[in-house]
PDB file of N, CA and C in Angstrom:
ATOM      1  N   UNK A   1     -16.241  82.162   1.981  1.00  0.00           N
ATOM      2  CA  UNK A   1     -17.200  81.034   1.384  1.00  0.00           C
ATOM      3  C   UNK A   1     -18.506  80.165   2.433  1.00  0.00           C
ATOM      4  N   UNK A   2     -19.233  79.767   1.989  1.00  0.00           N
ATOM      5  CA  UNK A   2     -20.469  79.323   3.001  1.00  0.00           C
ATOM      6  C   UNK A   2     -19.817  78.604   3.870  1.00  0.00           C
ATOM      7  N   UNK A   3     -20.138  78.925   5.317  1.00  0.00           N
ATOM      8  CA  UNK A   3     -19.801  77.888   6.224  1.00  0.00           C
ATOM      9  C   UNK A   3     -20.218  76.253   6.462  1.00  0.00           C
ATOM     10  N   UNK A   4     -21.816  76.260   5.671  1.00  0.00           N
ATOM     11  CA  UNK A   4     -22.430  75.035   5.673  1.00  0.00           C
ATOM     12  C   UNK A   4     -21.407  74.470   4.324  1.00  0.00           C
ATOM     13  N   UNK A   5     -21.290  74.979   3.401  1.00  0.00           N
ATOM     14  CA  UNK A   5     -20.099  74.363   2.040  1.00  0.00           C
ATOM     15  C   UNK A   5     -19.155  74.166   2.455  1.00  0.00           C
ATOM     16  N   UNK A   6     -18.228  74.578   3.647  1.00  0.00           N
ATOM     17  CA  UNK A   6     -17.128  74.092   4.015  1.00  0.00           C
ATOM     18  C   UNK A   6     -17.022  73.146   4.684  1.00  0.00           C
ATOM     19  N   UNK A   7     -18.176  73.206   5.865  1.00  0.00           N
ATOM     20  CA  UNK A   7     -18.387  71.707   6.414  1.00  0.00           C
ATOM     21  C   UNK A   7     -19.102  70.760   6.062  1.00  0.00           C
ATOM     22  N   UNK A   8     -19.504  70.787   4.972  1.00  0.00           N
ATOM     23  CA  UNK A   8     -19.858  69.626   4.015  1.00  0.00           C
ATOM     24  C   UNK A   8     -18.622  68.877   3.313  1.00  0.00           C
ATOM     25  N   UNK A   9     -17.806  70.148   2.795  1.00  0.00           N
ATOM     26  CA  UNK A   9     -16.662  69.217   2.280  1.00  0.00           C
ATOM     27  C   UNK A   9     -15.465  68.857   3.394  1.00  0.00           C
ATOM     28  N   UNK A  10     -15.479  69.203   4.539  1.00  0.00           N
ATOM     29  CA  UNK A  10     -14.972  68.612   5.337  1.00  0.00           C
ATOM     30  C   UNK A  10     -15.067  67.178   6.059  1.00  0.00           C
ATOM     31  N   UNK A  11     -16.706  67.084   5.889  1.00  0.00           N
ATOM     32  CA  UNK A  11     -17.196  65.601   6.136  1.00  0.00           C
ATOM     33  C   UNK A  11     -17.156  64.600   4.940  1.00  0.00           C
ATOM     34  N   UNK A  12     -17.433  65.609   3.731  1.00  0.00           N
ATOM     35  CA  UNK A  12     -17.411  64.506   2.625  1.00  0.00           C
ATOM     36  C   UNK A  12     -15.742  64.430   2.471  1.00  0.00           C
ATOM     37  N   UNK A  13     -14.587  64.603   2.858  1.00  0.00           N
ATOM     38  CA  UNK A  13     -13.427  64.452   2.321  1.00  0.00           C
ATOM     39  C   UNK A  13     -13.064  63.557   3.607  1.00  0.00           C
ATOM     40  N   UNK A  14     -13.759  63.711   4.830  1.00  0.00           N
ATOM     41  CA  UNK A  14     -13.525  62.404   5.971  1.00  0.00           C
ATOM     42  C   UNK A  14     -13.916  61.249   5.524  1.00  0.00           C
ATOM     43  N   UNK A  15     -15.072  61.353   4.894  1.00  0.00           N
ATOM     44  CA  UNK A  15     -15.963  60.100   4.790  1.00  0.00           C
ATOM     45  C   UNK A  15     -15.008  59.302   3.310  1.00  0.00           C
ATOM     46  N   UNK A  16     -14.469  60.244   2.453  1.00  0.00           N
ATOM     47  CA  UNK A  16     -13.892  59.366   1.461  1.00  0.00           C
ATOM     48  C   UNK A  16     -12.398  58.835   2.053  1.00  0.00           C
ATOM     49  N   UNK A  17     -11.923  58.751   3.070  1.00  0.00           N
ATOM     50  CA  UNK A  17     -10.757  58.054   3.563  1.00  0.00           C
ATOM     51  C   UNK A  17     -11.159  57.034   4.100  1.00  0.00           C
ATOM     52  N   UNK A  18     -12.269  56.880   4.404  1.00  0.00           N
ATOM     53  CA  UNK A  18     -12.882  55.584   4.995  1.00  0.00           C
ATOM     54  C   UNK A  18     -11.871  54.293   3.805  1.00  0.00           C
ATOM     55  N   UNK A  19     -12.104  54.521   2.658  1.00  0.00           N
ATOM     56  CA  UNK A  19     -11.048  53.518   1.638  1.00  0.00           C
ATOM     57  C   UNK A  19      -9.911  53.129   2.200  1.00  0.00           C
ATOM     58  N   UNK A  20      -9.244  53.907   3.075  1.00  0.00           N
ATOM     59  CA  UNK A  20      -7.929  53.451   3.356  1.00  0.00           C
ATOM     60  C   UNK A  20      -7.846  52.857   4.535  1.00  0.00           C
ATOM     61  N   UNK A  21      -8.912  52.732   4.929  1.00  0.00           N
ATOM     62  CA  UNK A  21      -9.210  51.699   6.191  1.00  0.00           C
ATOM     63  C   UNK A  21      -9.164  49.994   5.707  1.00  0.00           C
ATOM     64  N   UNK A  22      -9.826  50.264   4.556  1.00  0.00           N
ATOM     65  CA  UNK A  22      -9.670  48.820   3.776  1.00  0.00           C
ATOM     66  C   UNK A  22      -8.500  48.416   3.078  1.00  0.00           C
ATOM     67  N   UNK A  23      -7.782  49.416   2.550  1.00  0.00           N
ATOM     68  CA  UNK A  23      -6.746  49.221   1.868  1.00  0.00           C
ATOM     69  C   UNK A  23      -5.562  48.783   2.981  1.00  0.00           C
ATOM     70  N   UNK A  24      -5.426  49.164   4.282  1.00  0.00           N
ATOM     71  CA  UNK A  24      -4.837  48.833   4.571  1.00  0.00           C
ATOM     72  C   UNK A  24      -4.677  47.646   5.246  1.00  0.00           C
ATOM     73  N   UNK A  25      -5.932  47.028   5.605  1.00  0.00           N
ATOM     74  CA  UNK A  25      -6.485  45.751   5.988  1.00  0.00           C
ATOM     75  C   UNK A  25      -6.010  45.126   4.673  1.00  0.00           C
ATOM     76  N   UNK A  26      -6.029  45.250   3.541  1.00  0.00           N
ATOM     77  CA  UNK A  26      -5.699  44.527   2.166  1.00  0.00           C
ATOM     78  C   UNK A  26      -4.363  44.171   2.359  1.00  0.00           C
ATOM     79  N   UNK A  27      -3.782  45.125   2.376  1.00  0.00           N
ATOM     80  CA  UNK A  27      -1.750  45.172   2.187  1.00  0.00           C
ATOM     81  C   UNK A  27      -1.898  44.021   3.490  1.00  0.00           C
ATOM     82  N   UNK A  28      -2.121  44.358   4.920  1.00  0.00           N
ATOM     83  CA  UNK A  28      -1.958  43.300   5.774  1.00  0.00           C
ATOM     84  C   UNK A  28      -2.114  42.173   5.632  1.00  0.00           C
ATOM     85  N   UNK A  29      -3.174  41.528   4.751  1.00  0.00           N
ATOM     86  CA  UNK A  29      -3.688  40.502   4.315  1.00  0.00           C
ATOM     87  C   UNK A  29      -2.662  39.867   3.439  1.00  0.00           C
ATOM     88  N   UNK A  30      -2.581  40.580   2.377  1.00  0.00           N
ATOM     89  CA  UNK A  30      -1.479  40.073   1.051  1.00  0.00           C
ATOM     90  C   UNK A  30      -0.712  39.700   1.910  1.00  0.00           C
ATOM     91  N   UNK A  31       0.255  40.550   2.746  1.00  0.00           N
ATOM     92  CA  UNK A  31       1.611  40.215   2.959  1.00  0.00           C
ATOM     93  C   UNK A  31       1.825  39.005   4.343  1.00  0.00           C
ATOM     94  N   UNK A  32       0.648  38.642   5.005  1.00  0.00           N
ATOM     95  CA  UNK A  32       0.619  37.639   6.014  1.00  0.00           C
ATOM     96  C   UNK A  32       0.242  36.447   4.814  1.00  0.00           C
ATOM     97  N   UNK A  33      -0.401  36.246   3.949  1.00  0.00           N
ATOM     98  CA  UNK A  33      -0.589  35.389   3.088  1.00  0.00           C
ATOM     99  C   UNK A  33       0.595  35.102   2.292  1.00  0.00           C
ATOM    100  N   UNK A  34       1.544  36.073   1.882  1.00  0.00           N
ATOM    101  CA  UNK A  34       2.940  35.967   1.505  1.00  0.00           C
ATOM    102  C   UNK A  34       3.702  34.958   2.191  1.00  0.00           C
ATOM    103  N   UNK A  35       3.806  35.356   3.514  1.00  0.00           N
ATOM    104  CA  UNK A  35       4.702  34.555   4.583  1.00  0.00           C
ATOM    105  C   UNK A  35       4.206  33.339   4.925  1.00  0.00           C
ATOM    106  N   UNK A  36       2.967  33.135   4.965  1.00  0.00           N
ATOM    107  CA  UNK A  36       2.126  31.879   5.302  1.00  0.00           C
ATOM    108  C   UNK A  36       2.858  31.125   3.910  1.00  0.00           C
ATOM    109  N   UNK A  37       2.399  31.400   2.731  1.00  0.00           N
ATOM    110  CA  UNK A  37       2.667  30.987   1.596  1.00  0.00           C
ATOM    111  C   UNK A  37       4.022  30.162   1.350  1.00  0.00           C
ATOM    112  N   UNK A  38       5.400  31.297   1.685  1.00  0.00           N
ATOM    113  CA  UNK A  38       6.602  31.109   1.641  1.00  0.00           C
ATOM    114  C   UNK A  38       6.840  29.929   2.368  1.00  0.00           C
ATOM    115  N   UNK A  39       6.090  29.983   3.812  1.00  0.00           N
ATOM    116  CA  UNK A  39       7.046  29.143   4.772  1.00  0.00           C
ATOM    117  C   UNK A  39       6.439  27.442   4.723  1.00  0.00           C
ATOM    118  N   UNK A  40       4.991  27.654   3.747  1.00  0.00           N
ATOM    119  CA  UNK A  40       4.626  26.245   3.410  1.00  0.00           C
ATOM    120  C   UNK A  40       5.346  25.739   2.174  1.00  0.00           C
ATOM    121  N   UNK A  41       5.940  26.608   1.093  1.00  0.00           N
ATOM    122  CA  UNK A  41       6.574  26.105  -0.118  1.00  0.00           C
ATOM    123  C   UNK A  41       7.624  27.312  -0.500  1.00  0.00           C
ATOM    124  N   UNK A  42       8.779  27.164   0.166  1.00  0.00           N
ATOM    125  CA  UNK A  42       9.865  27.552  -0.084  1.00  0.00           C
ATOM    126  C   UNK A  42      10.482  27.762  -1.261  1.00  0.00           C
ATOM    127  N   UNK A  43      10.478  26.829  -2.393  1.00  0.00           N
ATOM    128  CA  UNK A  43      10.774  26.664  -3.437  1.00  0.00           C
ATOM    129  C   UNK A  43       9.938  27.940  -4.678  1.00  0.00           C
ATOM    130  N   UNK A  44       8.706  28.236  -4.255  1.00  0.00           N
ATOM    131  CA  UNK A  44       7.876  29.110  -5.189  1.00  0.00           C
ATOM    132  C   UNK A  44       8.102  30.545  -4.406  1.00  0.00           C
ATOM    133  N   UNK A  45       9.200  30.988  -3.911  1.00  0.00           N
ATOM    134  CA  UNK A  45       9.252  31.852  -3.046  1.00  0.00           C
ATOM    135  C   UNK A  45       9.155  33.273  -4.193  1.00  0.00           C
ATOM    136  N   UNK A  46      10.020  33.326  -5.517  1.00  0.00           N
ATOM    137  CA  UNK A  46      10.201  34.487  -6.462  1.00  0.00           C
ATOM    138  C   UNK A  46       8.622  33.811  -7.245  1.00  0.00           C
ATOM    139  N   UNK A  47       7.972  33.381  -7.385  1.00  0.00           N
ATOM    140  CA  UNK A  47       6.586  33.656  -7.583  1.00  0.00           C
ATOM    141  C   UNK A  47       5.788  34.079  -7.179  1.00  0.00           C
ATOM    142  N   UNK A  48       5.923  33.620  -5.936  1.00  0.00           N
ATOM    143  CA  UNK A  48       4.781  34.172  -4.941  1.00  0.00           C
ATOM    144  C   UNK A  48       5.045  35.589  -4.632  1.00  0.00           C
ATOM    145  N   UNK A  49       6.231  36.236  -4.523  1.00  0.00           N
ATOM    146  CA  UNK A  49       6.716  37.547  -4.170  1.00  0.00           C
ATOM    147  C   UNK A  49       5.897  38.251  -5.389  1.00  0.00           C
ATOM    148  N   UNK A  50       6.487  38.006  -6.685  1.00  0.00           N
ATOM    149  CA  UNK A  50       5.818  38.614  -7.828  1.00  0.00           C
ATOM    150  C   UNK A  50       4.086  38.366  -7.673  1.00  0.00           C
ATOM    151  N   UNK A  51       3.841  37.838  -7.228  1.00  0.00           N
ATOM    152  CA  UNK A  51       2.038  37.543  -7.138  1.00  0.00           C
ATOM    153  C   UNK A  51       1.501  38.681  -6.167  1.00  0.00           C
ATOM    154  N   UNK A  52       2.456  38.860  -4.799  1.00  0.00           N
ATOM    155  CA  UNK A  52       2.241  39.660  -3.768  1.00  0.00           C
ATOM    156  C   UNK A  52       2.332  41.132  -4.135  1.00  0.00           C
ATOM    157  N   UNK A  53       3.764  41.397  -5.116  1.00  0.00           N
ATOM    158  CA  UNK A  53       3.800  42.432  -5.613  1.00  0.00           C
ATOM    159  C   UNK A  53       2.458  43.122  -6.651  1.00  0.00           C
ATOM    160  N   UNK A  54       2.063  42.483  -7.347  1.00  0.00           N
ATOM    161  CA  UNK A  54       0.841  42.567  -8.063  1.00  0.00           C
ATOM    162  C   UNK A  54      -0.523  42.608  -7.425  1.00  0.00           C
ATOM    163  N   UNK A  55      -0.648  42.338  -6.217  1.00  0.00           N
ATOM    164  CA  UNK A  55      -1.832  42.480  -5.370  1.00  0.00           C
ATOM    165  C   UNK A  55      -1.476  43.603  -4.508  1.00  0.00           C
ATOM    166  N   UNK A  56      -0.384  43.977  -4.310  1.00  0.00           N
ATOM    167  CA  UNK A  56       0.065  45.352  -3.571  1.00  0.00           C
ATOM    168  C   UNK A  56      -0.418  46.084  -4.583  1.00  0.00           C
ATOM    169  N   UNK A  57       0.353  46.406  -5.692  1.00  0.00           N
ATOM    170  CA  UNK A  57      -0.073  47.273  -6.946  1.00  0.00           C
ATOM    171  C   UNK A  57      -1.502  47.556  -6.896  1.00  0.00           C
ATOM    172  N   UNK A  58      -2.260  46.762  -6.795  1.00  0.00           N
ATOM    173  CA  UNK A  58      -3.707  47.123  -7.515  1.00  0.00           C
ATOM    174  C   UNK A  58      -4.298  47.688  -6.157  1.00  0.00           C
ATOM    175  N   UNK A  59      -3.749  47.037  -4.752  1.00  0.00           N
ATOM    176  CA  UNK A  59      -4.465  47.288  -3.679  1.00  0.00           C
ATOM    177  C   UNK A  59      -4.235  49.004  -3.595  1.00  0.00           C
ATOM    178  N   UNK A  60      -3.122  49.416  -3.729  1.00  0.00           N
ATOM    179  CA  UNK A  60      -2.371  50.878  -3.474  1.00  0.00           C
ATOM    180  C   UNK A  60      -2.826  51.543  -4.697  1.00  0.00           C
ATOM    181  N   UNK A  61      -3.458  51.129  -5.317  1.00  0.00           N
ATOM    182  CA  UNK A  61      -4.335  52.017  -6.644  1.00  0.00           C
ATOM    183  C   UNK A  61      -5.505  52.154  -6.042  1.00  0.00           C
ATOM    184  N   UNK A  62      -6.145  51.909  -5.268  1.00  0.00           N
ATOM    185  CA  UNK A  62      -7.613  52.212  -4.753  1.00  0.00           C
ATOM    186  C   UNK A  62      -7.126  53.119  -3.351  1.00  0.00           C
ATOM    187  N   UNK A  63      -5.963  52.726  -2.801  1.00  0.00           N
ATOM    188  CA  UNK A  63      -5.743  54.074  -1.838  1.00  0.00           C
ATOM    189  C   UNK A  63      -5.557  55.492  -2.567  1.00  0.00           C
ATOM    190  N   UNK A  64      -5.028  55.726  -3.933  1.00  0.00           N
ATOM    191  CA  UNK A  64      -4.541  56.683  -4.587  1.00  0.00           C
ATOM    192  C   UNK A  64      -5.513  57.187  -5.084  1.00  0.00           C
ATOM    193  N   UNK A  65      -6.616  56.327  -5.849  1.00  0.00           N
ATOM    194  CA  UNK A  65      -8.063  56.885  -5.630  1.00  0.00           C
ATOM    195  C   UNK A  65      -8.818  57.426  -4.736  1.00  0.00           C
ATOM    196  N   UNK A  66      -8.817  56.859  -3.865  1.00  0.00           N
ATOM    197  CA  UNK A  66      -9.091  57.655  -2.760  1.00  0.00           C
ATOM    198  C   UNK A  66      -8.649  58.768  -2.432  1.00  0.00           C
ATOM    199  N   UNK A  67      -7.460  58.985  -1.994  1.00  0.00           N
ATOM    200  CA  UNK A  67      -6.927  60.354  -2.124  1.00  0.00           C
ATOM    201  C   UNK A  67      -7.394  61.169  -2.752  1.00  0.00           C
ATOM    202  N   UNK A  68      -7.524  60.763  -4.208  1.00  0.00           N
ATOM    203  CA  UNK A  68      -7.675  62.000  -5.361  1.00  0.00           C
ATOM    204  C   UNK A  68      -8.908  62.304  -5.210  1.00  0.00           C
ATOM    205  N   UNK A  69      -9.741  61.494  -5.126  1.00  0.00           N
ATOM    206  CA  UNK A  69     -11.351  62.007  -4.494  1.00  0.00           C
ATOM    207  C   UNK A  69     -11.391  62.925  -3.283  1.00  0.00           C
ATOM    208  N   UNK A  70     -10.758  62.850  -2.792  1.00  0.00           N
ATOM    209  CA  UNK A  70     -10.319  63.459  -0.915  1.00  0.00           C
ATOM    210  C   UNK A  70     -10.177  64.961  -1.732  1.00  0.00           C
ATOM    211  N   UNK A  71      -8.885  64.878  -2.137  1.00  0.00           N
ATOM    212  CA  UNK A  71      -8.396  66.221  -2.755  1.00  0.00           C
ATOM    213  C   UNK A  71      -9.193  66.857  -3.725  1.00  0.00           C
ATOM    214  N   UNK A  72     -10.112  66.536  -4.744  1.00  0.00           N
ATOM    215  CA  UNK A  72     -10.781  66.705  -5.393  1.00  0.00           C
ATOM    216  C   UNK A  72     -12.079  67.468  -4.635  1.00  0.00           C
ATOM    217  N   UNK A  73     -12.322  66.759  -3.417  1.00  0.00           N
ATOM    218  CA  UNK A  73     -13.563  67.371  -2.297  1.00  0.00           C
ATOM    219  C   UNK A  73     -13.246  68.691  -2.019  1.00  0.00           C
ATOM    220  N   UNK A  74     -11.980  68.416  -1.436  1.00  0.00           N
ATOM    221  CA  UNK A  74     -11.135  69.729  -0.408  1.00  0.00           C
ATOM    222  C   UNK A  74     -10.963  70.700  -1.294  1.00  0.00           C
ATOM    223  N   UNK A  75     -10.577  70.763  -2.533  1.00  0.00           N
ATOM    224  CA  UNK A  75      -9.939  71.747  -3.200  1.00  0.00           C
ATOM    225  C   UNK A  75     -10.604  72.194  -4.273  1.00  0.00           C
ATOM    226  N   UNK A  76     -11.648  71.828  -4.385  1.00  0.00           N
ATOM    227  CA  UNK A  76     -12.514  72.366  -5.952  1.00  0.00           C
ATOM    228  C   UNK A  76     -13.486  73.670  -5.276  1.00  0.00           C
ATOM    229  N   UNK A  77     -13.881  74.047  -5.981  1.00  0.00           N
ATOM    230  CA  UNK A  77     -14.533  75.298  -5.699  1.00  0.00           C
ATOM    231  C   UNK A  77     -16.135  75.146  -5.323  1.00  0.00           C
TER     232      UNK A  77
END
């Protein structure tokens, strides 16, 4: 395979993983807010946890899409 294409794929795959940085920050923010909210209102703990898990799932979906794009870039012909 052409070395320029291999280098371009490697650069593109590396750049597509930048979204994972945002996902890490988002997950940290979600659980930091959960802890703060539970400290303020412990009686709503179950409801808050449900919302936190929903936010976590949506945030992790972005990570899975970023990894999918990375693998498509790396392993396509």
